[in-house]
Amino acid sequence: MSLLHAMDAALADHGPALAAVGDGPSGKVTGPLNDVLGYLAWIVTAAGVAGLLMVGTRMAISVRSGEGEEHLSQFLTVMGACVIGATAGPIVSFVMPWLV
């Protein structure tokens, strides 16, 4: 028996259970959750822009006054937070069917 036949037989035995998991949550759950994630995405975007502006301002002031501080770590921290905030919605959308 080939691997393909074995997988087909295993899926045939557990088909209804897998179909129940794949249906996903109801609209009562995902509607408000999508609204909250949309608002949080806009807040994270605004905070990321504000953070980059603050880091840029501190860089400009430091260079002008002659101080050689390292601002790359601050820049990477803000960019990392932006990436985490931007991927939070798709991660929750991916994980949600298995939690409900």
PDB file of N, CA and C in Angstrom:
ATOM      1  N   MET A   1       0.853  -1.174   0.000  1.00  0.00           N
ATOM      2  CA  MET A   1       0.000   0.000   0.000  1.00  0.00           C
ATOM      3  C   MET A   1       0.899   1.238   0.000  1.00  0.00           C
ATOM      4  N   SER A   2       0.585   2.149  -0.873  1.00  0.00           N
ATOM      5  CA  SER A   2       1.417   3.336  -0.981  1.00  0.00           C
ATOM      6  C   SER A   2       1.036   4.352   0.095  1.00  0.00           C
ATOM      7  N   LEU A   3       1.883   5.323   0.225  1.00  0.00           N
ATOM      8  CA  LEU A   3       1.650   6.383   1.211  1.00  0.00           C
ATOM      9  C   LEU A   3       0.380   7.160   0.889  1.00  0.00           C
ATOM     10  N   LEU A   4       0.116   7.371  -0.388  1.00  0.00           N
ATOM     11  CA  LEU A   4      -1.085   8.099  -0.804  1.00  0.00           C
ATOM     12  C   LEU A   4      -2.360   7.361  -0.402  1.00  0.00           C
ATOM     13  N   HIS A   5      -2.346   6.031  -0.565  1.00  0.00           N
ATOM     14  CA  HIS A   5      -3.511   5.243  -0.163  1.00  0.00           C
ATOM     15  C   HIS A   5      -3.696   5.262   1.352  1.00  0.00           C
ATOM     16  N   ALA A   6      -2.601   5.226   2.090  1.00  0.00           N
ATOM     17  CA  ALA A   6      -2.676   5.258   3.551  1.00  0.00           C
ATOM     18  C   ALA A   6      -3.236   6.594   4.034  1.00  0.00           C
ATOM     19  N   MET A   7      -2.799   7.685   3.415  1.00  0.00           N
ATOM     20  CA  MET A   7      -3.314   9.004   3.800  1.00  0.00           C
ATOM     21  C   MET A   7      -4.785   9.139   3.444  1.00  0.00           C
ATOM     22  N   ASP A   8      -5.175   8.604   2.302  1.00  0.00           N
ATOM     23  CA  ASP A   8      -6.569   8.658   1.894  1.00  0.00           C
ATOM     24  C   ASP A   8      -7.446   7.886   2.865  1.00  0.00           C
ATOM     25  N   ALA A   9      -6.983   6.724   3.300  1.00  0.00           N
ATOM     26  CA  ALA A   9      -7.746   5.920   4.256  1.00  0.00           C
ATOM     27  C   ALA A   9      -7.844   6.629   5.605  1.00  0.00           C
ATOM     28  N   ALA A  10      -6.757   7.267   6.042  1.00  0.00           N
ATOM     29  CA  ALA A  10      -6.778   7.971   7.325  1.00  0.00           C
ATOM     30  C   ALA A  10      -7.714   9.170   7.275  1.00  0.00           C
ATOM     31  N   LEU A  11      -7.719   9.891   6.182  1.00  0.00           N
ATOM     32  CA  LEU A  11      -8.614  11.041   6.056  1.00  0.00           C
ATOM     33  C   LEU A  11     -10.071  10.601   5.934  1.00  0.00           C
ATOM     34  N   ALA A  12     -10.309   9.453   5.334  1.00  0.00           N
ATOM     35  CA  ALA A  12     -11.683   8.956   5.223  1.00  0.00           C
ATOM     36  C   ALA A  12     -12.232   8.600   6.592  1.00  0.00           C
ATOM     37  N   ASP A  13     -11.372   8.084   7.480  1.00  0.00           N
ATOM     38  CA  ASP A  13     -11.817   7.725   8.831  1.00  0.00           C
ATOM     39  C   ASP A  13     -12.123   8.960   9.669  1.00  0.00           C
ATOM     40  N   HIS A  14     -11.377  10.044   9.482  1.00  0.00           N
ATOM     41  CA  HIS A  14     -11.520  11.245  10.306  1.00  0.00           C
ATOM     42  C   HIS A  14     -12.120  12.408   9.530  1.00  0.00           C
ATOM     43  N   GLY A  15     -12.761  12.162   8.451  1.00  0.00           N
ATOM     44  CA  GLY A  15     -13.308  13.209   7.601  1.00  0.00           C
ATOM     45  C   GLY A  15     -14.291  14.142   8.289  1.00  0.00           C
ATOM     46  N   PRO A  16     -15.321  13.617   9.007  1.00  0.00           N
ATOM     47  CA  PRO A  16     -16.272  14.531   9.658  1.00  0.00           C
ATOM     48  C   PRO A  16     -15.630  15.419  10.716  1.00  0.00           C
ATOM     49  N   ALA A  17     -14.668  14.885  11.459  1.00  0.00           N
ATOM     50  CA  ALA A  17     -14.010  15.698  12.487  1.00  0.00           C
ATOM     51  C   ALA A  17     -13.192  16.816  11.845  1.00  0.00           C
ATOM     52  N   LEU A  18     -12.516  16.510  10.752  1.00  0.00           N
ATOM     53  CA  LEU A  18     -11.733  17.540  10.074  1.00  0.00           C
ATOM     54  C   LEU A  18     -12.626  18.575   9.413  1.00  0.00           C
ATOM     55  N   ALA A  19     -13.763  18.164   8.907  1.00  0.00           N
ATOM     56  CA  ALA A  19     -14.683  19.117   8.286  1.00  0.00           C
ATOM     57  C   ALA A  19     -15.247  20.075   9.320  1.00  0.00           C
ATOM     58  N   ALA A  20     -15.482  19.584  10.549  1.00  0.00           N
ATOM     59  CA  ALA A  20     -16.010  20.453  11.604  1.00  0.00           C
ATOM     60  C   ALA A  20     -14.990  21.504  11.997  1.00  0.00           C
ATOM     61  N   VAL A  21     -13.718  21.149  12.010  1.00  0.00           N
ATOM     62  CA  VAL A  21     -12.674  22.120  12.352  1.00  0.00           C
ATOM     63  C   VAL A  21     -12.513  23.138  11.236  1.00  0.00           C
ATOM     64  N   GLY A  22     -12.625  22.733   9.994  1.00  0.00           N
ATOM     65  CA  GLY A  22     -12.400  23.622   8.871  1.00  0.00           C
ATOM     66  C   GLY A  22     -13.511  24.613   8.615  1.00  0.00           C
ATOM     67  N   ASP A  23     -14.689  24.427   9.243  1.00  0.00           N
ATOM     68  CA  ASP A  23     -15.801  25.341   9.012  1.00  0.00           C
ATOM     69  C   ASP A  23     -15.515  26.735   9.535  1.00  0.00           C
ATOM     70  N   GLY A  24     -14.778  26.851  10.617  1.00  0.00           N
ATOM     71  CA  GLY A  24     -14.417  28.146  11.165  1.00  0.00           C
ATOM     72  C   GLY A  24     -15.484  28.689  12.104  1.00  0.00           C
ATOM     73  N   PRO A  25     -15.196  29.787  12.764  1.00  0.00           N
ATOM     74  CA  PRO A  25     -16.128  30.375  13.711  1.00  0.00           C
ATOM     75  C   PRO A  25     -17.295  31.055  13.003  1.00  0.00           C
ATOM     76  N   SER A  26     -18.333  31.315  13.769  1.00  0.00           N
ATOM     77  CA  SER A  26     -19.513  31.952  13.192  1.00  0.00           C
ATOM     78  C   SER A  26     -19.277  33.443  12.975  1.00  0.00           C
ATOM     79  N   GLY A  27     -20.194  34.057  12.251  1.00  0.00           N
ATOM     80  CA  GLY A  27     -20.076  35.481  11.964  1.00  0.00           C
ATOM     81  C   GLY A  27     -20.233  36.355  13.190  1.00  0.00           C
ATOM     82  N   LYS A  28     -20.909  35.825  14.235  1.00  0.00           N
ATOM     83  CA  LYS A  28     -21.061  36.598  15.474  1.00  0.00           C
ATOM     84  C   LYS A  28     -19.726  36.821  16.156  1.00  0.00           C
ATOM     85  N   VAL A  29     -18.796  35.909  15.949  1.00  0.00           N
ATOM     86  CA  VAL A  29     -17.470  36.036  16.568  1.00  0.00           C
ATOM     87  C   VAL A  29     -16.548  36.854  15.681  1.00  0.00           C
ATOM     88  N   THR A  30     -16.528  36.547  14.399  1.00  0.00           N
ATOM     89  CA  THR A  30     -15.535  37.172  13.528  1.00  0.00           C
ATOM     90  C   THR A  30     -15.872  38.609  13.161  1.00  0.00           C
ATOM     91  N   GLY A  31     -17.146  38.984  13.151  1.00  0.00           N
ATOM     92  CA  GLY A  31     -17.513  40.362  12.805  1.00  0.00           C
ATOM     93  C   GLY A  31     -16.916  41.378  13.760  1.00  0.00           C
ATOM     94  N   PRO A  32     -17.232  41.269  15.073  1.00  0.00           N
ATOM     95  CA  PRO A  32     -16.626  42.216  16.027  1.00  0.00           C
ATOM     96  C   PRO A  32     -15.112  42.082  16.128  1.00  0.00           C
ATOM     97  N   LEU A  33     -14.606  40.859  15.983  1.00  0.00           N
ATOM     98  CA  LEU A  33     -13.158  40.670  16.045  1.00  0.00           C
ATOM     99  C   LEU A  33     -12.467  41.379  14.886  1.00  0.00           C
ATOM    100  N   ASN A  34     -13.034  41.313  13.712  1.00  0.00           N
ATOM    101  CA  ASN A  34     -12.460  42.021  12.566  1.00  0.00           C
ATOM    102  C   ASN A  34     -12.508  43.528  12.761  1.00  0.00           C
ATOM    103  N   ASP A  35     -13.580  44.043  13.372  1.00  0.00           N
ATOM    104  CA  ASP A  35     -13.655  45.476  13.657  1.00  0.00           C
ATOM    105  C   ASP A  35     -12.546  45.903  14.614  1.00  0.00           C
ATOM    106  N   VAL A  36     -12.368  45.132  15.691  1.00  0.00           N
ATOM    107  CA  VAL A  36     -11.330  45.465  16.673  1.00  0.00           C
ATOM    108  C   VAL A  36      -9.950  45.389  16.039  1.00  0.00           C
ATOM    109  N   LEU A  37      -9.696  44.336  15.238  1.00  0.00           N
ATOM    110  CA  LEU A  37      -8.397  44.221  14.581  1.00  0.00           C
ATOM    111  C   LEU A  37      -8.161  45.355  13.591  1.00  0.00           C
ATOM    112  N   GLY A  38      -9.216  45.819  12.928  1.00  0.00           N
ATOM    113  CA  GLY A  38      -9.073  46.949  12.016  1.00  0.00           C
ATOM    114  C   GLY A  38      -8.695  48.219  12.744  1.00  0.00           C
ATOM    115  N   TYR A  39      -9.367  48.480  13.879  1.00  0.00           N
ATOM    116  CA  TYR A  39      -9.023  49.667  14.673  1.00  0.00           C
ATOM    117  C   TYR A  39      -7.602  49.565  15.218  1.00  0.00           C
ATOM    118  N   LEU A  40      -7.225  48.379  15.703  1.00  0.00           N
ATOM    119  CA  LEU A  40      -5.874  48.211  16.235  1.00  0.00           C
ATOM    120  C   LEU A  40      -4.817  48.375  15.148  1.00  0.00           C
ATOM    121  N   ALA A  41      -5.126  47.945  13.943  1.00  0.00           N
ATOM    122  CA  ALA A  41      -4.168  48.117  12.845  1.00  0.00           C
ATOM    123  C   ALA A  41      -3.927  49.591  12.564  1.00  0.00           C
ATOM    124  N   TRP A  42      -4.980  50.402  12.586  1.00  0.00           N
ATOM    125  CA  TRP A  42      -4.797  51.841  12.373  1.00  0.00           C
ATOM    126  C   TRP A  42      -4.030  52.478  13.519  1.00  0.00           C
ATOM    127  N   ILE A  43      -4.293  52.050  14.746  1.00  0.00           N
ATOM    128  CA  ILE A  43      -3.581  52.600  15.903  1.00  0.00           C
ATOM    129  C   ILE A  43      -2.104  52.233  15.835  1.00  0.00           C
ATOM    130  N   VAL A  44      -1.800  50.975  15.480  1.00  0.00           N
ATOM    131  CA  VAL A  44      -0.405  50.541  15.370  1.00  0.00           C
ATOM    132  C   VAL A  44       0.306  51.301  14.254  1.00  0.00           C
ATOM    133  N   THR A  45      -0.386  51.536  13.149  1.00  0.00           N
ATOM    134  CA  THR A  45       0.217  52.293  12.055  1.00  0.00           C
ATOM    135  C   THR A  45       0.550  53.715  12.497  1.00  0.00           C
ATOM    136  N   ALA A  46      -0.390  54.359  13.177  1.00  0.00           N
ATOM    137  CA  ALA A  46      -0.142  55.729  13.662  1.00  0.00           C
ATOM    138  C   ALA A  46       0.984  55.751  14.691  1.00  0.00           C
ATOM    139  N   ALA A  47       1.020  54.771  15.585  1.00  0.00           N
ATOM    140  CA  ALA A  47       2.087  54.713  16.583  1.00  0.00           C
ATOM    141  C   ALA A  47       3.437  54.451  15.922  1.00  0.00           C
ATOM    142  N   GLY A  48       3.457  53.619  14.884  1.00  0.00           N
ATOM    143  CA  GLY A  48       4.709  53.357  14.168  1.00  0.00           C
ATOM    144  C   GLY A  48       5.249  54.587  13.466  1.00  0.00           C
ATOM    145  N   VAL A  49       4.364  55.335  12.825  1.00  0.00           N
ATOM    146  CA  VAL A  49       4.784  56.574  12.163  1.00  0.00           C
ATOM    147  C   VAL A  49       5.288  57.577  13.191  1.00  0.00           C
ATOM    148  N   ALA A  50       4.567  57.705  14.303  1.00  0.00           N
ATOM    149  CA  ALA A  50       5.002  58.630  15.356  1.00  0.00           C
ATOM    150  C   ALA A  50       6.347  58.195  15.940  1.00  0.00           C
ATOM    151  N   GLY A  51       6.530  56.898  16.138  1.00  0.00           N
ATOM    152  CA  GLY A  51       7.797  56.397  16.671  1.00  0.00           C
ATOM    153  C   GLY A  51       8.956  56.664  15.734  1.00  0.00           C
ATOM    154  N   LEU A  52       8.741  56.437  14.433  1.00  0.00           N
ATOM    155  CA  LEU A  52       9.810  56.714  13.473  1.00  0.00           C
ATOM    156  C   LEU A  52      10.127  58.203  13.399  1.00  0.00           C
ATOM    157  N   LEU A  53       9.102  59.049  13.503  1.00  0.00           N
ATOM    158  CA  LEU A  53       9.352  60.493  13.526  1.00  0.00           C
ATOM    159  C   LEU A  53      10.152  60.896  14.762  1.00  0.00           C
ATOM    160  N   MET A  54       9.843  60.294  15.912  1.00  0.00           N
ATOM    161  CA  MET A  54      10.587  60.622  17.132  1.00  0.00           C
ATOM    162  C   MET A  54      12.037  60.152  17.043  1.00  0.00           C
ATOM    163  N   VAL A  55      12.252  58.945  16.539  1.00  0.00           N
ATOM    164  CA  VAL A  55      13.624  58.446  16.393  1.00  0.00           C
ATOM    165  C   VAL A  55      14.389  59.319  15.402  1.00  0.00           C
ATOM    166  N   GLY A  56      13.761  59.695  14.297  1.00  0.00           N
ATOM    167  CA  GLY A  56      14.417  60.572  13.326  1.00  0.00           C
ATOM    168  C   GLY A  56      14.753  61.933  13.902  1.00  0.00           C
ATOM    169  N   THR A  57      13.848  62.471  14.706  1.00  0.00           N
ATOM    170  CA  THR A  57      14.102  63.760  15.350  1.00  0.00           C
ATOM    171  C   THR A  57      15.281  63.664  16.318  1.00  0.00           C
ATOM    172  N   ARG A  58      15.311  62.594  17.106  1.00  0.00           N
ATOM    173  CA  ARG A  58      16.426  62.418  18.042  1.00  0.00           C
ATOM    174  C   ARG A  58      17.746  62.235  17.301  1.00  0.00           C
ATOM    175  N   MET A  59      17.698  61.529  16.164  1.00  0.00           N
ATOM    176  CA  MET A  59      18.919  61.376  15.352  1.00  0.00           C
ATOM    177  C   MET A  59      19.414  62.728  14.852  1.00  0.00           C
ATOM    178  N   ALA A  60      18.491  63.527  14.328  1.00  0.00           N
ATOM    179  CA  ALA A  60      18.869  64.842  13.790  1.00  0.00           C
ATOM    180  C   ALA A  60      19.437  65.743  14.875  1.00  0.00           C
ATOM    181  N   ILE A  61      18.837  65.726  16.041  1.00  0.00           N
ATOM    182  CA  ILE A  61      19.329  66.573  17.143  1.00  0.00           C
ATOM    183  C   ILE A  61      20.704  66.091  17.601  1.00  0.00           C
ATOM    184  N   SER A  62      20.895  64.768  17.684  1.00  0.00           N
ATOM    185  CA  SER A  62      22.186  64.225  18.115  1.00  0.00           C
ATOM    186  C   SER A  62      23.299  64.548  17.132  1.00  0.00           C
ATOM    187  N   VAL A  63      23.022  64.424  15.852  1.00  0.00           N
ATOM    188  CA  VAL A  63      24.039  64.714  14.840  1.00  0.00           C
ATOM    189  C   VAL A  63      24.377  66.203  14.851  1.00  0.00           C
ATOM    190  N   ARG A  64      23.365  67.020  15.009  1.00  0.00           N
ATOM    191  CA  ARG A  64      23.598  68.469  15.009  1.00  0.00           C
ATOM    192  C   ARG A  64      24.411  68.910  16.225  1.00  0.00           C
ATOM    193  N   SER A  65      24.159  68.267  17.378  1.00  0.00           N
ATOM    194  CA  SER A  65      24.897  68.671  18.576  1.00  0.00           C
ATOM    195  C   SER A  65      26.242  67.957  18.688  1.00  0.00           C
ATOM    196  N   GLY A  66      26.527  67.013  17.800  1.00  0.00           N
ATOM    197  CA  GLY A  66      27.828  66.363  17.783  1.00  0.00           C
ATOM    198  C   GLY A  66      27.907  65.105  18.618  1.00  0.00           C
ATOM    199  N   GLU A  67      26.818  64.666  19.167  1.00  0.00           N
ATOM    200  CA  GLU A  67      26.825  63.429  19.953  1.00  0.00           C
ATOM    201  C   GLU A  67      26.686  62.243  19.011  1.00  0.00           C
ATOM    202  N   GLY A  68      27.414  61.193  19.279  1.00  0.00           N
ATOM    203  CA  GLY A  68      27.386  60.035  18.398  1.00  0.00           C
ATOM    204  C   GLY A  68      26.642  58.855  19.002  1.00  0.00           C
ATOM    205  N   GLU A  69      25.408  59.051  19.372  1.00  0.00           N
ATOM    206  CA  GLU A  69      24.632  57.948  19.937  1.00  0.00           C
ATOM    207  C   GLU A  69      24.235  56.967  18.840  1.00  0.00           C
ATOM    208  N   GLU A  70      23.997  55.759  19.249  1.00  0.00           N
ATOM    209  CA  GLU A  70      23.571  54.758  18.282  1.00  0.00           C
ATOM    210  C   GLU A  70      22.041  54.698  18.277  1.00  0.00           C
ATOM    211  N   HIS A  71      21.459  55.064  17.164  1.00  0.00           N
ATOM    212  CA  HIS A  71      20.003  55.103  17.050  1.00  0.00           C
ATOM    213  C   HIS A  71      19.456  53.937  16.237  1.00  0.00           C
ATOM    214  N   LEU A  72      20.349  53.110  15.729  1.00  0.00           N
ATOM    215  CA  LEU A  72      19.895  51.985  14.930  1.00  0.00           C
ATOM    216  C   LEU A  72      19.055  51.019  15.756  1.00  0.00           C
ATOM    217  N   SER A  73      19.429  50.805  17.017  1.00  0.00           N
ATOM    218  CA  SER A  73      18.651  49.889  17.861  1.00  0.00           C
ATOM    219  C   SER A  73      17.252  50.434  18.109  1.00  0.00           C
ATOM    220  N   GLN A  74      17.124  51.742  18.294  1.00  0.00           N
ATOM    221  CA  GLN A  74      15.798  52.339  18.475  1.00  0.00           C
ATOM    222  C   GLN A  74      14.979  52.221  17.200  1.00  0.00           C
ATOM    223  N   PHE A  75      15.621  52.449  16.063  1.00  0.00           N
ATOM    224  CA  PHE A  75      14.942  52.333  14.782  1.00  0.00           C
ATOM    225  C   PHE A  75      14.458  50.901  14.557  1.00  0.00           C
ATOM    226  N   LEU A  76      15.308  49.921  14.839  1.00  0.00           N
ATOM    227  CA  LEU A  76      14.925  48.525  14.657  1.00  0.00           C
ATOM    228  C   LEU A  76      13.827  48.104  15.631  1.00  0.00           C
ATOM    229  N   THR A  77      13.832  48.656  16.838  1.00  0.00           N
ATOM    230  CA  THR A  77      12.769  48.357  17.796  1.00  0.00           C
ATOM    231  C   THR A  77      11.424  48.857  17.280  1.00  0.00           C
ATOM    232  N   VAL A  78      11.404  50.074  16.777  1.00  0.00           N
ATOM    233  CA  VAL A  78      10.156  50.628  16.237  1.00  0.00           C
ATOM    234  C   VAL A  78       9.703  49.836  15.011  1.00  0.00           C
ATOM    235  N   MET A  79      10.632  49.499  14.127  1.00  0.00           N
ATOM    236  CA  MET A  79      10.263  48.729  12.935  1.00  0.00           C
ATOM    237  C   MET A  79       9.785  47.326  13.304  1.00  0.00           C
ATOM    238  N   GLY A  80      10.411  46.704  14.301  1.00  0.00           N
ATOM    239  CA  GLY A  80       9.961  45.393  14.762  1.00  0.00           C
ATOM    240  C   GLY A  80       8.557  45.447  15.326  1.00  0.00           C
ATOM    241  N   ALA A  81       8.259  46.493  16.087  1.00  0.00           N
ATOM    242  CA  ALA A  81       6.906  46.663  16.616  1.00  0.00           C
ATOM    243  C   ALA A  81       5.901  46.872  15.493  1.00  0.00           C
ATOM    244  N   CYS A  82       6.294  47.598  14.459  1.00  0.00           N
ATOM    245  CA  CYS A  82       5.405  47.787  13.303  1.00  0.00           C
ATOM    246  C   CYS A  82       5.126  46.468  12.595  1.00  0.00           C
ATOM    247  N   VAL A  83       6.134  45.639  12.439  1.00  0.00           N
ATOM    248  CA  VAL A  83       5.942  44.348  11.780  1.00  0.00           C
ATOM    249  C   VAL A  83       5.040  43.446  12.614  1.00  0.00           C
ATOM    250  N   ILE A  84       5.245  43.417  13.924  1.00  0.00           N
ATOM    251  CA  ILE A  84       4.395  42.606  14.799  1.00  0.00           C
ATOM    252  C   ILE A  84       2.958  43.100  14.739  1.00  0.00           C
ATOM    253  N   GLY A  85       2.776  44.409  14.784  1.00  0.00           N
ATOM    254  CA  GLY A  85       1.426  44.961  14.712  1.00  0.00           C
ATOM    255  C   GLY A  85       0.755  44.714  13.378  1.00  0.00           C
ATOM    256  N   ALA A  86       1.526  44.767  12.309  1.00  0.00           N
ATOM    257  CA  ALA A  86       0.943  44.556  10.982  1.00  0.00           C
ATOM    258  C   ALA A  86       0.578  43.103  10.736  1.00  0.00           C
ATOM    259  N   THR A  87       1.293  42.175  11.353  1.00  0.00           N
ATOM    260  CA  THR A  87       1.000  40.759  11.139  1.00  0.00           C
ATOM    261  C   THR A  87       0.054  40.176  12.172  1.00  0.00           C
ATOM    262  N   ALA A  88      -0.360  40.954  13.162  1.00  0.00           N
ATOM    263  CA  ALA A  88      -1.247  40.417  14.200  1.00  0.00           C
ATOM    264  C   ALA A  88      -2.598  39.997  13.624  1.00  0.00           C
ATOM    265  N   GLY A  89      -3.169  40.806  12.755  1.00  0.00           N
ATOM    266  CA  GLY A  89      -4.474  40.482  12.178  1.00  0.00           C
ATOM    267  C   GLY A  89      -4.463  39.198  11.367  1.00  0.00           C
ATOM    268  N   PRO A  90      -3.535  39.041  10.424  1.00  0.00           N
ATOM    269  CA  PRO A  90      -3.493  37.780   9.676  1.00  0.00           C
ATOM    270  C   PRO A  90      -3.186  36.561  10.542  1.00  0.00           C
ATOM    271  N   ILE A  91      -2.367  36.725  11.576  1.00  0.00           N
ATOM    272  CA  ILE A  91      -2.076  35.593  12.460  1.00  0.00           C
ATOM    273  C   ILE A  91      -3.326  35.175  13.215  1.00  0.00           C
ATOM    274  N   VAL A  92      -4.076  36.141  13.739  1.00  0.00           N
ATOM    275  CA  VAL A  92      -5.316  35.817  14.450  1.00  0.00           C
ATOM    276  C   VAL A  92      -6.324  35.190  13.494  1.00  0.00           C
ATOM    277  N   SER A  93      -6.433  35.696  12.284  1.00  0.00           N
ATOM    278  CA  SER A  93      -7.345  35.115  11.299  1.00  0.00           C
ATOM    279  C   SER A  93      -6.959  33.684  10.950  1.00  0.00           C
ATOM    280  N   PHE A  94      -5.673  33.386  10.940  1.00  0.00           N
ATOM    281  CA  PHE A  94      -5.216  32.037  10.642  1.00  0.00           C
ATOM    282  C   PHE A  94      -5.469  31.082  11.805  1.00  0.00           C
ATOM    283  N   VAL A  95      -5.260  31.543  13.038  1.00  0.00           N
ATOM    284  CA  VAL A  95      -5.363  30.686  14.224  1.00  0.00           C
ATOM    285  C   VAL A  95      -6.813  30.533  14.686  1.00  0.00           C
ATOM    286  N   MET A  96      -7.657  31.491  14.408  1.00  0.00           N
ATOM    287  CA  MET A  96      -9.031  31.509  14.932  1.00  0.00           C
ATOM    288  C   MET A  96      -9.839  30.251  14.646  1.00  0.00           C
ATOM    289  N   PRO A  97      -9.794  29.657  13.456  1.00  0.00           N
ATOM    290  CA  PRO A  97     -10.598  28.442  13.236  1.00  0.00           C
ATOM    291  C   PRO A  97     -10.247  27.285  14.157  1.00  0.00           C
ATOM    292  N   TRP A  98      -9.017  27.210  14.624  1.00  0.00           N
ATOM    293  CA  TRP A  98      -8.638  26.115  15.511  1.00  0.00           C
ATOM    294  C   TRP A  98      -8.970  26.409  16.965  1.00  0.00           C
ATOM    295  N   LEU A  99      -9.216  27.656  17.316  1.00  0.00           N
ATOM    296  CA  LEU A  99      -9.528  27.991  18.711  1.00  0.00           C
ATOM    297  C   LEU A  99     -11.004  27.861  19.026  1.00  0.00           C
ATOM    298  N   VAL A 100     -11.836  27.983  18.035  1.00  0.00           N
ATOM    299  CA  VAL A 100     -13.280  27.938  18.291  1.00  0.00           C
ATOM    300  C   VAL A 100     -13.826  26.574  18.038  1.00  0.00           C
TER     301      VAL A 100
END
